[in-house]
Amino acid sequence: PVGEGDVLPVPLLELAPSEPFDAAV
């Protein structure tokens, strides 16, 4: 949510879907 640089400043709930991810951490 407070990301900077290469970290997108977005909470999980608001991340727009794209090609599905193979994993998450």
PDB file of all heavy atoms in Angstrom:
ATOM      1  N   PRO A   1       0.800  -1.231   0.000  1.00  0.00           N
ATOM      2  CA  PRO A   1       0.000   0.000   0.000  1.00  0.00           C
ATOM      3  C   PRO A   1       0.830   1.276   0.000  1.00  0.00           C
ATOM      4  O   PRO A   1       0.371   2.309  -0.492  1.00  0.00           O
ATOM      5  CB  PRO A   1      -0.840  -0.124   1.278  1.00  0.00           C
ATOM      6  CG  PRO A   1      -0.945  -1.590   1.503  1.00  0.00           C
ATOM      7  CD  PRO A   1       0.380  -2.160   1.057  1.00  0.00           C
ATOM      8  N   VAL A   2       2.056   1.214   0.533  1.00  0.00           N
ATOM      9  CA  VAL A   2       2.923   2.403   0.545  1.00  0.00           C
ATOM     10  C   VAL A   2       4.178   2.155  -0.291  1.00  0.00           C
ATOM     11  O   VAL A   2       5.248   2.664   0.010  1.00  0.00           O
ATOM     12  CB  VAL A   2       3.293   2.830   1.985  1.00  0.00           C
ATOM     13  CG1 VAL A   2       2.078   3.310   2.724  1.00  0.00           C
ATOM     14  CG2 VAL A   2       3.945   1.672   2.753  1.00  0.00           C
ATOM     15  N   GLY A   3       4.019   1.384  -1.349  1.00  0.00           N
ATOM     16  CA  GLY A   3       5.156   1.025  -2.175  1.00  0.00           C
ATOM     17  C   GLY A   3       5.776   2.199  -2.909  1.00  0.00           C
ATOM     18  O   GLY A   3       5.108   3.187  -3.219  1.00  0.00           O
ATOM     19  N   GLU A   4       7.061   2.070  -3.186  1.00  0.00           N
ATOM     20  CA  GLU A   4       7.806   3.061  -3.947  1.00  0.00           C
ATOM     21  C   GLU A   4       8.726   2.337  -4.921  1.00  0.00           C
ATOM     22  O   GLU A   4       9.032   1.157  -4.752  1.00  0.00           O
ATOM     23  CB  GLU A   4       8.650   3.955  -3.025  1.00  0.00           C
ATOM     24  CG  GLU A   4       7.846   4.790  -2.060  1.00  0.00           C
ATOM     25  CD  GLU A   4       8.726   5.635  -1.157  1.00  0.00           C
ATOM     26  OE1 GLU A   4       9.961   5.534  -1.238  1.00  0.00           O
ATOM     27  OE2 GLU A   4       8.175   6.408  -0.356  1.00  0.00           O
ATOM     28  N   GLY A   5       9.197   3.062  -5.925  1.00  0.00           N
ATOM     29  CA  GLY A   5      10.140   2.477  -6.875  1.00  0.00           C
ATOM     30  C   GLY A   5       9.517   1.324  -7.629  1.00  0.00           C
ATOM     31  O   GLY A   5       8.478   1.477  -8.277  1.00  0.00           O
ATOM     32  N   ASP A   6      10.140   0.141  -7.530  1.00  0.00           N
ATOM     33  CA  ASP A   6       9.654  -1.039  -8.241  1.00  0.00           C
ATOM     34  C   ASP A   6       8.497  -1.741  -7.527  1.00  0.00           C
ATOM     35  O   ASP A   6       7.981  -2.741  -8.025  1.00  0.00           O
ATOM     36  CB  ASP A   6      10.802  -2.046  -8.417  1.00  0.00           C
ATOM     37  CG  ASP A   6      11.856  -1.548  -9.391  1.00  0.00           C
ATOM     38  OD1 ASP A   6      11.528  -0.706 -10.239  1.00  0.00           O
ATOM     39  OD2 ASP A   6      13.013  -1.999  -9.294  1.00  0.00           O
ATOM     40  N   VAL A   7       8.105  -1.228  -6.359  1.00  0.00           N
ATOM     41  CA  VAL A   7       6.992  -1.811  -5.605  1.00  0.00           C
ATOM     42  C   VAL A   7       5.732  -0.990  -5.904  1.00  0.00           C
ATOM     43  O   VAL A   7       5.685   0.210  -5.636  1.00  0.00           O
ATOM     44  CB  VAL A   7       7.276  -1.812  -4.089  1.00  0.00           C
ATOM     45  CG1 VAL A   7       6.097  -2.395  -3.328  1.00  0.00           C
ATOM     46  CG2 VAL A   7       8.546  -2.595  -3.794  1.00  0.00           C
ATOM     47  N   LEU A   8       4.728  -1.656  -6.484  1.00  0.00           N
ATOM     48  CA  LEU A   8       3.498  -0.954  -6.850  1.00  0.00           C
ATOM     49  C   LEU A   8       2.742  -0.518  -5.600  1.00  0.00           C
ATOM     50  O   LEU A   8       2.509  -1.341  -4.697  1.00  0.00           O
ATOM     51  CB  LEU A   8       2.602  -1.861  -7.691  1.00  0.00           C
ATOM     52  CG  LEU A   8       3.174  -2.369  -9.013  1.00  0.00           C
ATOM     53  CD1 LEU A   8       2.194  -3.329  -9.693  1.00  0.00           C
ATOM     54  CD2 LEU A   8       3.483  -1.198  -9.934  1.00  0.00           C
ATOM     55  N   PRO A   9       2.332   0.757  -5.511  1.00  0.00           N
ATOM     56  CA  PRO A   9       1.626   1.251  -4.328  1.00  0.00           C
ATOM     57  C   PRO A   9       0.132   0.921  -4.373  1.00  0.00           C
ATOM     58  O   PRO A   9      -0.722   1.790  -4.591  1.00  0.00           O
ATOM     59  CB  PRO A   9       1.877   2.765  -4.391  1.00  0.00           C
ATOM     60  CG  PRO A   9       1.970   3.058  -5.854  1.00  0.00           C
ATOM     61  CD  PRO A   9       2.607   1.837  -6.481  1.00  0.00           C
ATOM     62  N   VAL A  10      -0.180  -0.348  -4.179  1.00  0.00           N
ATOM     63  CA  VAL A  10      -1.570  -0.790  -4.269  1.00  0.00           C
ATOM     64  C   VAL A  10      -1.828  -1.873  -3.227  1.00  0.00           C
ATOM     65  O   VAL A  10      -0.999  -2.761  -3.035  1.00  0.00           O
ATOM     66  CB  VAL A  10      -1.883  -1.296  -5.704  1.00  0.00           C
ATOM     67  CG1 VAL A  10      -0.973  -2.459  -6.072  1.00  0.00           C
ATOM     68  CG2 VAL A  10      -3.329  -1.714  -5.849  1.00  0.00           C
ATOM     69  N   PRO A  11      -2.975  -1.813  -2.526  1.00  0.00           N
ATOM     70  CA  PRO A  11      -3.330  -2.920  -1.627  1.00  0.00           C
ATOM     71  C   PRO A  11      -3.769  -4.135  -2.429  1.00  0.00           C
ATOM     72  O   PRO A  11      -4.189  -4.021  -3.589  1.00  0.00           O
ATOM     73  CB  PRO A  11      -4.467  -2.347  -0.785  1.00  0.00           C
ATOM     74  CG  PRO A  11      -5.026  -1.216  -1.572  1.00  0.00           C
ATOM     75  CD  PRO A  11      -3.917  -0.690  -2.433  1.00  0.00           C
ATOM     76  N   LEU A  12      -3.685  -5.294  -1.803  1.00  0.00           N
ATOM     77  CA  LEU A  12      -4.001  -6.553  -2.484  1.00  0.00           C
ATOM     78  C   LEU A  12      -5.384  -6.527  -3.117  1.00  0.00           C
ATOM     79  O   LEU A  12      -5.557  -6.939  -4.268  1.00  0.00           O
ATOM     80  CB  LEU A  12      -3.889  -7.710  -1.485  1.00  0.00           C
ATOM     81  CG  LEU A  12      -4.233  -9.111  -2.000  1.00  0.00           C
ATOM     82  CD1 LEU A  12      -3.353  -9.490  -3.180  1.00  0.00           C
ATOM     83  CD2 LEU A  12      -4.085 -10.126  -0.874  1.00  0.00           C
ATOM     84  N   LEU A  13      -6.375  -6.036  -2.404  1.00  0.00           N
ATOM     85  CA  LEU A  13      -7.751  -6.060  -2.894  1.00  0.00           C
ATOM     86  C   LEU A  13      -7.922  -5.242  -4.170  1.00  0.00           C
ATOM     87  O   LEU A  13      -8.817  -5.511  -4.971  1.00  0.00           O
ATOM     88  CB  LEU A  13      -8.700  -5.547  -1.811  1.00  0.00           C
ATOM     89  CG  LEU A  13     -10.197  -5.645  -2.113  1.00  0.00           C
ATOM     90  CD1 LEU A  13     -10.613  -7.085  -2.368  1.00  0.00           C
ATOM     91  CD2 LEU A  13     -11.011  -5.056  -0.964  1.00  0.00           C
ATOM     92  N   GLU A  14      -7.063  -4.255  -4.390  1.00  0.00           N
ATOM     93  CA  GLU A  14      -7.215  -3.366  -5.539  1.00  0.00           C
ATOM     94  C   GLU A  14      -6.310  -3.719  -6.712  1.00  0.00           C
ATOM     95  O   GLU A  14      -6.330  -3.046  -7.749  1.00  0.00           O
ATOM     96  CB  GLU A  14      -6.959  -1.918  -5.106  1.00  0.00           C
ATOM     97  CG  GLU A  14      -7.978  -1.411  -4.108  1.00  0.00           C
ATOM     98  CD  GLU A  14      -7.681  -0.016  -3.611  1.00  0.00           C
ATOM     99  OE1 GLU A  14      -6.872   0.705  -4.251  1.00  0.00           O
ATOM    100  OE2 GLU A  14      -8.244   0.372  -2.574  1.00  0.00           O
ATOM    101  N   LEU A  15      -5.526  -4.765  -6.589  1.00  0.00           N
ATOM    102  CA  LEU A  15      -4.650  -5.156  -7.694  1.00  0.00           C
ATOM    103  C   LEU A  15      -5.491  -5.687  -8.843  1.00  0.00           C
ATOM    104  O   LEU A  15      -6.265  -6.623  -8.675  1.00  0.00           O
ATOM    105  CB  LEU A  15      -3.650  -6.217  -7.236  1.00  0.00           C
ATOM    106  CG  LEU A  15      -2.628  -6.662  -8.289  1.00  0.00           C
ATOM    107  CD1 LEU A  15      -1.729  -5.488  -8.698  1.00  0.00           C
ATOM    108  CD2 LEU A  15      -1.782  -7.817  -7.766  1.00  0.00           C
ATOM    109  N   ALA A  16      -5.340  -5.072 -10.002  1.00  0.00           N
ATOM    110  CA  ALA A  16      -6.118  -5.482 -11.165  1.00  0.00           C
ATOM    111  C   ALA A  16      -5.617  -6.818 -11.668  1.00  0.00           C
ATOM    112  O   ALA A  16      -4.407  -7.025 -11.785  1.00  0.00           O
ATOM    113  CB  ALA A  16      -6.015  -4.425 -12.262  1.00  0.00           C
ATOM    114  N   PRO A  17      -6.539  -7.719 -11.977  1.00  0.00           N
ATOM    115  CA  PRO A  17      -6.111  -9.028 -12.472  1.00  0.00           C
ATOM    116  C   PRO A  17      -5.473  -8.924 -13.841  1.00  0.00           C
ATOM    117  O   PRO A  17      -5.849  -8.091 -14.662  1.00  0.00           O
ATOM    118  CB  PRO A  17      -7.412  -9.830 -12.504  1.00  0.00           C
ATOM    119  CG  PRO A  17      -8.492  -8.813 -12.601  1.00  0.00           C
ATOM    120  CD  PRO A  17      -7.990  -7.604 -11.871  1.00  0.00           C
ATOM    121  N   SER A  18      -4.477  -9.751 -14.057  1.00  0.00           N
ATOM    122  CA  SER A  18      -3.836  -9.854 -15.371  1.00  0.00           C
ATOM    123  C   SER A  18      -3.665 -11.339 -15.637  1.00  0.00           C
ATOM    124  O   SER A  18      -4.492 -12.144 -15.232  1.00  0.00           O
ATOM    125  CB  SER A  18      -2.494  -9.115 -15.367  1.00  0.00           C
ATOM    126  OG  SER A  18      -1.637  -9.654 -14.384  1.00  0.00           O
ATOM    127  N   GLU A  19      -2.597 -11.729 -16.278  1.00  0.00           N
ATOM    128  CA  GLU A  19      -2.304 -13.150 -16.414  1.00  0.00           C
ATOM    129  C   GLU A  19      -2.108 -13.731 -15.023  1.00  0.00           C
ATOM    130  O   GLU A  19      -1.432 -13.125 -14.186  1.00  0.00           O
ATOM    131  CB  GLU A  19      -1.028 -13.326 -17.240  1.00  0.00           C
ATOM    132  CG  GLU A  19      -0.635 -14.771 -17.480  1.00  0.00           C
ATOM    133  CD  GLU A  19       0.669 -14.886 -18.238  1.00  0.00           C
ATOM    134  OE1 GLU A  19       1.122 -13.873 -18.795  1.00  0.00           O
ATOM    135  OE2 GLU A  19       1.234 -15.991 -18.259  1.00  0.00           O
ATOM    136  N   PRO A  20      -2.706 -14.876 -14.715  1.00  0.00           N
ATOM    137  CA  PRO A  20      -2.613 -15.415 -13.351  1.00  0.00           C
ATOM    138  C   PRO A  20      -1.171 -15.668 -12.923  1.00  0.00           C
ATOM    139  O   PRO A  20      -0.315 -16.027 -13.732  1.00  0.00           O
ATOM    140  CB  PRO A  20      -3.390 -16.730 -13.435  1.00  0.00           C
ATOM    141  CG  PRO A  20      -4.285 -16.575 -14.611  1.00  0.00           C
ATOM    142  CD  PRO A  20      -3.553 -15.722 -15.584  1.00  0.00           C
ATOM    143  N   PHE A  21      -0.930 -15.480 -11.650  1.00  0.00           N
ATOM    144  CA  PHE A  21       0.386 -15.747 -11.077  1.00  0.00           C
ATOM    145  C   PHE A  21       0.532 -17.234 -10.768  1.00  0.00           C
ATOM    146  O   PHE A  21      -0.439 -17.917 -10.425  1.00  0.00           O
ATOM    147  CB  PHE A  21       0.586 -14.935  -9.797  1.00  0.00           C
ATOM    148  CG  PHE A  21       0.717 -13.453 -10.027  1.00  0.00           C
ATOM    149  CD1 PHE A  21      -0.396 -12.620  -9.921  1.00  0.00           C
ATOM    150  CD2 PHE A  21       1.943 -12.890 -10.365  1.00  0.00           C
ATOM    151  CE1 PHE A  21      -0.290 -11.259 -10.138  1.00  0.00           C
ATOM    152  CE2 PHE A  21       2.063 -11.525 -10.586  1.00  0.00           C
ATOM    153  CZ  PHE A  21       0.949 -10.704 -10.479  1.00  0.00           C
ATOM    154  N   ASP A  22       1.788 -17.706 -10.866  1.00  0.00           N
ATOM    155  CA  ASP A  22       2.099 -19.095 -10.535  1.00  0.00           C
ATOM    156  C   ASP A  22       2.279 -19.304  -9.039  1.00  0.00           C
ATOM    157  O   ASP A  22       2.193 -20.429  -8.545  1.00  0.00           O
ATOM    158  CB  ASP A  22       3.398 -19.519 -11.232  1.00  0.00           C
ATOM    159  CG  ASP A  22       3.303 -19.379 -12.740  1.00  0.00           C
ATOM    160  OD1 ASP A  22       2.333 -19.899 -13.312  1.00  0.00           O
ATOM    161  OD2 ASP A  22       4.201 -18.746 -13.342  1.00  0.00           O
ATOM    162  N   ALA A  23       2.579 -18.227  -8.314  1.00  0.00           N
ATOM    163  CA  ALA A  23       2.818 -18.306  -6.871  1.00  0.00           C
ATOM    164  C   ALA A  23       2.710 -16.906  -6.283  1.00  0.00           C
ATOM    165  O   ALA A  23       2.769 -15.905  -7.000  1.00  0.00           O
ATOM    166  CB  ALA A  23       4.204 -18.891  -6.581  1.00  0.00           C
ATOM    167  N   ALA A  24       2.562 -16.865  -4.968  1.00  0.00           N
ATOM    168  CA  ALA A  24       2.577 -15.596  -4.242  1.00  0.00           C
ATOM    169  C   ALA A  24       3.375 -15.798  -2.964  1.00  0.00           C
ATOM    170  O   ALA A  24       3.464 -16.910  -2.441  1.00  0.00           O
ATOM    171  CB  ALA A  24       1.166 -15.129  -3.921  1.00  0.00           C
ATOM    172  N   VAL A  25       3.950 -14.715  -2.491  1.00  0.00           N
ATOM    173  CA  VAL A  25       4.737 -14.725  -1.258  1.00  0.00           C
ATOM    174  C   VAL A  25       4.209 -13.631  -0.348  1.00  0.00           C
ATOM    175  O   VAL A  25       3.977 -12.500  -0.791  1.00  0.00           O
ATOM    176  CB  VAL A  25       6.230 -14.468  -1.543  1.00  0.00           C
ATOM    177  CG1 VAL A  25       7.023 -14.368  -0.241  1.00  0.00           C
ATOM    178  CG2 VAL A  25       6.808 -15.557  -2.427  1.00  0.00           C
TER     179      VAL A  25
END
